Every structure is written in C-alpha cells, then in structure tokens.
Amino acid sequence: MREFHNWEKDVHVTAACEKLVQVLIGDEPEQGMENLMELEIPEDVEEKLKVADAKEEQELEKEQERLRQEEEEEEKKKKSDAEGTDKEQEGWTDTINPVF
C-alpha cells in the first residue's frame, strides 16, 4: 500500500486507498464506536459529510480529467515524434540511394 500511489492512475482508487490507510493507522475506537454502521450521526454532521463527499468527488473528477488530458498530449507528442523520425529516415535513405 505504501508505494501503490506511485503507479496507480485512477484517482478514485488512489483516494479509496488513502482512506483505507487512514483507517488502518487510526486510533482504536472508543467504547461503543466499534461498529460505525450502528453509530448514530446527527443530521447536521451528516449533511456536512455529504457536502464534503460531493466536493471531494468533484475534485477527483477534475484530477482524473487533467490526467486524461496529459496522457492524450503525451500520446500526440509520441506520435508526432515518431512521424518526424520516419521522415528523417526517409530523407536519409534518399541521400544514400538518390532517386534519379
């Protein structure tokens, strides 16, 4: 899990793993809080958590879109570099074997 963030591309997966790590390194739960599914959450706190979750989701979507655009730009650059190399090789071949 320590090095997972170095190679994982999906921001949603990375965020989920970061949350898991926070749970794993967190303190032991207090008495009565062992099962968070049974814990009663006040409505105002629940609303704040929903807003924070929606905000985090938007940020993750933006990050994923930014990464996708970077990958597309990298692919375009690789393609244009490859085309440039092909043209250079064609020119080099014509110099060695000139066509008359």
Protein backbone atom coordinates (compact mmCIF):
# COMPACT_ATOMS: atom_id res chain seq x y z
CA MET A 1 0.00 0.00 0.00
CA ARG A 2 2.94 2.33 0.67
CA GLU A 3 4.04 2.50 -2.95
CA PHE A 4 0.64 1.96 -4.56
CA HIS A 5 0.14 5.68 -5.21
CA ASN A 6 3.30 5.76 -7.34
CA TRP A 7 1.84 3.66 -10.14
CA GLU A 8 -1.96 3.74 -9.78
CA LYS A 9 -3.54 6.01 -12.40
CA ASP A 10 -7.19 6.00 -11.29
CA VAL A 11 -7.73 8.86 -8.84
CA HIS A 12 -10.80 7.17 -7.36
CA VAL A 13 -8.80 4.07 -6.48
CA THR A 14 -6.00 6.17 -5.03
CA ALA A 15 -8.45 8.15 -2.88
CA ALA A 16 -10.06 4.94 -1.59
CA CYS A 17 -6.66 3.52 -0.69
CA GLU A 18 -5.69 6.71 1.13
CA LYS A 19 -8.89 6.46 3.18
CA LEU A 20 -8.14 2.82 3.96
CA VAL A 21 -4.65 3.74 5.16
CA GLN A 22 -6.13 6.44 7.41
CA VAL A 23 -8.46 3.86 8.95
CA LEU A 24 -5.64 1.36 9.42
CA ILE A 25 -3.31 3.83 11.12
CA GLY A 26 -6.06 5.47 13.19
CA ASP A 27 -6.53 5.08 16.92
CA GLU A 28 -8.57 2.28 18.41
CA PRO A 29 -12.27 3.21 18.51
CA GLU A 30 -13.76 4.36 21.79
CA GLN A 31 -16.23 2.24 23.73
CA GLY A 32 -19.49 1.99 21.78
CA MET A 33 -17.93 3.11 18.49
CA GLU A 34 -16.55 -0.23 17.34
CA ASN A 35 -19.25 -0.68 14.69
CA LEU A 36 -19.58 2.58 12.77
CA MET A 37 -22.60 1.22 10.88
CA GLU A 38 -24.60 1.30 14.13
CA LEU A 39 -23.38 4.74 15.22
CA GLU A 40 -26.00 7.50 15.20
CA ILE A 41 -24.86 10.61 13.36
CA PRO A 42 -26.56 13.97 13.96
CA GLU A 43 -28.33 15.33 10.87
CA ASP A 44 -26.19 18.49 10.65
CA VAL A 45 -22.98 16.42 10.77
CA GLU A 46 -24.38 14.01 8.20
CA GLU A 47 -25.19 16.93 5.88
CA LYS A 48 -21.67 18.35 6.27
CA LEU A 49 -20.21 14.95 5.46
CA LYS A 50 -22.36 14.66 2.33
CA VAL A 51 -21.25 18.13 1.16
CA ALA A 52 -17.61 17.26 1.82
CA ASP A 53 -18.02 13.98 -0.05
CA ALA A 54 -19.59 15.74 -3.06
CA LYS A 55 -16.76 18.29 -3.08
CA GLU A 56 -14.16 15.53 -2.93
CA GLU A 57 -15.89 13.71 -5.80
CA GLN A 58 -15.77 16.87 -7.94
CA GLU A 59 -12.07 17.33 -7.19
CA LEU A 60 -11.38 13.70 -8.10
CA GLU A 61 -13.25 14.11 -11.40
CA LYS A 62 -11.20 17.23 -12.22
CA GLU A 63 -7.98 15.41 -11.38
CA GLN A 64 -8.96 12.43 -13.49
CA GLU A 65 -9.79 14.72 -16.43
CA ARG A 66 -6.43 16.50 -16.03
CA LEU A 67 -4.59 13.17 -16.06
CA ARG A 68 -6.54 12.02 -19.13
CA GLN A 69 -5.61 15.22 -20.99
CA GLU A 70 -1.95 14.81 -20.02
CA GLU A 71 -1.99 11.24 -21.35
CA GLU A 72 -3.59 12.40 -24.63
CA GLU A 73 -0.97 15.13 -25.03
CA GLU A 74 1.79 12.62 -24.33
CA GLU A 75 0.37 10.24 -26.95
CA LYS A 76 0.15 13.06 -29.51
CA LYS A 77 3.75 14.03 -28.78
CA LYS A 78 4.92 10.43 -29.15
CA LYS A 79 3.02 10.12 -32.42
CA SER A 80 4.42 13.36 -33.83
CA ASP A 81 7.94 12.39 -32.69
CA ALA A 82 7.55 9.01 -34.41
CA GLU A 83 6.32 10.67 -37.62
CA GLY A 84 9.27 13.07 -37.52
CA THR A 85 11.69 10.15 -37.08
CA ASP A 86 10.09 8.34 -40.05
CA LYS A 87 10.51 11.41 -42.27
CA GLU A 88 14.13 11.80 -41.19
CA GLN A 89 14.78 8.16 -42.05
CA GLU A 90 13.13 8.60 -45.45
CA GLY A 91 15.29 11.62 -46.14
CA TRP A 92 18.39 9.73 -45.04
CA THR A 93 17.53 6.84 -47.37
CA ASP A 94 17.14 9.24 -50.31
CA THR A 95 20.57 10.67 -49.58
CA ILE A 96 22.20 7.25 -49.57
CA ASN A 97 20.25 5.94 -52.58
CA PRO A 98 19.28 9.01 -54.58
CA VAL A 99 16.40 8.52 -56.96
CA PHE A 100 17.09 9.99 -60.41
